[in-house]
Amino acid sequence: MSSPLTTHVLDTAHGVPAAGMAVRLARKDGQRWTTIAERTTNADGRVPDLLAPGALTGGRWRLRFDVEGYFAKHGQDSFFPEAELVFEVTDLTRHHHVPLLVSPFSYSTYRGS
């Protein structure tokens, strides 16, 4: 079985997967955030193993991407040191995929499939 939550990061400035980017997953518990997982994107820019099957719960989740660290490895400055994506899980029967498109001066995201 696969993770119920995945992400994929593409470096749109260079037209390549953003391999080697640090990603942190957290869940909101009351008023505080609890780190659940810390991973690094693979050669294809993906993190396929954020959660064990069945570990996703309803509620608010956050993915934090180390944009600055990624671009620093490539000798570039980055205007956004982090991309922080907060999303709400309401349907546990669906797979949740959160892609990130990133360049040194912008980022965008959407709900993937």
Protein backbone atom coordinates (compact mmCIF):
# COMPACT_ATOMS: atom_id res chain seq x y z
CA MET A 1 0.00 0.00 0.00
CA SER A 2 1.14 3.54 -0.66
CA SER A 3 1.16 6.70 1.41
CA PRO A 4 -2.24 8.46 1.60
CA LEU A 5 -0.39 11.80 1.22
CA THR A 6 2.30 12.57 -1.36
CA THR A 7 4.04 15.60 -2.81
CA HIS A 8 6.00 16.41 -5.95
CA VAL A 9 8.23 19.46 -6.45
CA LEU A 10 9.20 20.79 -9.87
CA ASP A 11 11.89 23.41 -10.41
CA THR A 12 10.18 25.50 -13.09
CA ALA A 13 13.19 27.80 -13.54
CA HIS A 14 15.28 24.91 -14.85
CA GLY A 15 12.54 22.58 -16.09
CA VAL A 16 13.59 19.70 -13.84
CA PRO A 17 12.34 17.83 -10.77
CA ALA A 18 13.51 19.52 -7.55
CA ALA A 19 15.61 16.63 -6.26
CA GLY A 20 17.08 16.92 -2.79
CA MET A 21 14.64 19.47 -1.31
CA ALA A 22 13.88 19.06 2.40
CA VAL A 23 10.17 18.73 3.24
CA ARG A 24 8.55 18.73 6.67
CA LEU A 25 5.01 17.50 7.33
CA ALA A 26 3.10 18.66 10.41
CA ARG A 27 -0.43 18.22 11.75
CA LYS A 28 -2.29 20.86 13.73
CA ASP A 29 -3.21 19.64 17.21
CA GLY A 30 -5.33 22.28 18.93
CA GLN A 31 -3.27 25.47 18.74
CA ARG A 32 0.11 23.89 17.99
CA TRP A 33 1.75 22.08 15.11
CA THR A 34 3.25 18.61 15.58
CA THR A 35 5.93 17.43 13.16
CA ILE A 36 4.94 14.07 11.73
CA ALA A 37 7.63 13.46 9.11
CA GLU A 38 10.76 14.99 7.61
CA ARG A 39 11.81 13.81 4.17
CA THR A 40 13.86 14.84 1.15
CA THR A 41 12.56 14.76 -2.41
CA ASN A 42 13.92 11.91 -4.51
CA ALA A 43 15.57 12.16 -7.96
CA ASP A 44 12.12 12.66 -9.51
CA GLY A 45 11.28 15.48 -7.05
CA ARG A 46 8.78 13.28 -5.22
CA VAL A 47 8.19 12.25 -1.63
CA PRO A 48 6.19 9.04 -1.93
CA ASP A 49 6.42 7.98 1.74
CA LEU A 50 5.21 10.90 3.88
CA LEU A 51 2.77 8.76 5.87
CA ALA A 52 2.17 5.09 6.50
CA PRO A 53 -1.05 3.71 5.05
CA GLY A 54 -3.93 4.52 7.38
CA ALA A 55 -2.02 7.29 9.21
CA LEU A 56 -3.84 10.22 7.60
CA THR A 57 -6.44 11.84 9.83
CA GLY A 58 -8.96 14.57 9.18
CA GLY A 59 -7.97 18.10 10.06
CA ARG A 60 -5.39 20.71 9.20
CA TRP A 61 -1.99 19.70 7.81
CA ARG A 62 1.10 21.67 6.74
CA LEU A 63 3.88 20.94 4.28
CA ARG A 64 6.96 23.16 4.62
CA PHE A 65 9.50 23.13 1.79
CA ASP A 66 13.09 24.36 2.17
CA VAL A 67 13.21 26.44 -1.01
CA GLU A 68 16.24 28.47 0.09
CA GLY A 69 18.30 25.37 0.84
CA TYR A 70 17.42 23.79 -2.48
CA PHE A 71 18.41 26.81 -4.57
CA ALA A 72 21.54 27.45 -2.45
CA LYS A 73 22.76 23.98 -3.48
CA HIS A 74 22.46 25.20 -7.08
CA GLY A 75 24.29 28.46 -6.44
CA GLN A 76 21.19 30.64 -6.54
CA ASP A 77 19.54 33.01 -4.10
CA SER A 78 15.85 32.59 -3.38
CA PHE A 79 13.38 35.31 -2.51
CA PHE A 80 11.19 32.83 -0.61
CA PRO A 81 13.21 30.87 1.98
CA GLU A 82 10.27 28.49 2.51
CA ALA A 83 7.02 27.54 0.89
CA GLU A 84 4.47 26.68 3.54
CA LEU A 85 1.30 24.98 2.36
CA VAL A 86 -1.54 24.50 4.82
CA PHE A 87 -4.47 22.34 3.73
CA GLU A 88 -7.55 20.69 5.21
CA VAL A 89 -8.21 16.94 4.99
CA THR A 90 -11.92 16.16 5.08
CA ASP A 91 -12.23 13.01 2.97
CA LEU A 92 -10.10 10.11 4.22
CA THR A 93 -11.17 7.89 1.32
CA ARG A 94 -9.22 10.00 -1.19
CA HIS A 95 -5.51 10.09 -1.91
CA HIS A 96 -4.08 13.55 -1.18
CA HIS A 97 -1.36 14.82 -3.51
CA VAL A 98 0.08 18.32 -3.00
CA PRO A 99 2.41 19.41 -5.83
CA LEU A 100 4.67 22.47 -5.66
CA LEU A 101 6.02 24.39 -8.64
CA VAL A 102 8.98 26.52 -7.57
CA SER A 103 11.51 29.00 -8.94
CA PRO A 104 13.88 31.34 -7.08
CA PHE A 105 11.26 34.12 -7.13
CA SER A 106 7.87 32.40 -7.13
CA TYR A 107 5.93 29.29 -6.25
CA SER A 108 2.49 27.87 -6.88
CA THR A 109 0.54 24.82 -5.87
CA TYR A 110 -2.73 23.02 -6.50
CA ARG A 111 -4.58 19.95 -5.35
CA GLY A 112 -3.21 17.09 -7.38
CA SER A 113 -4.58 13.65 -7.99
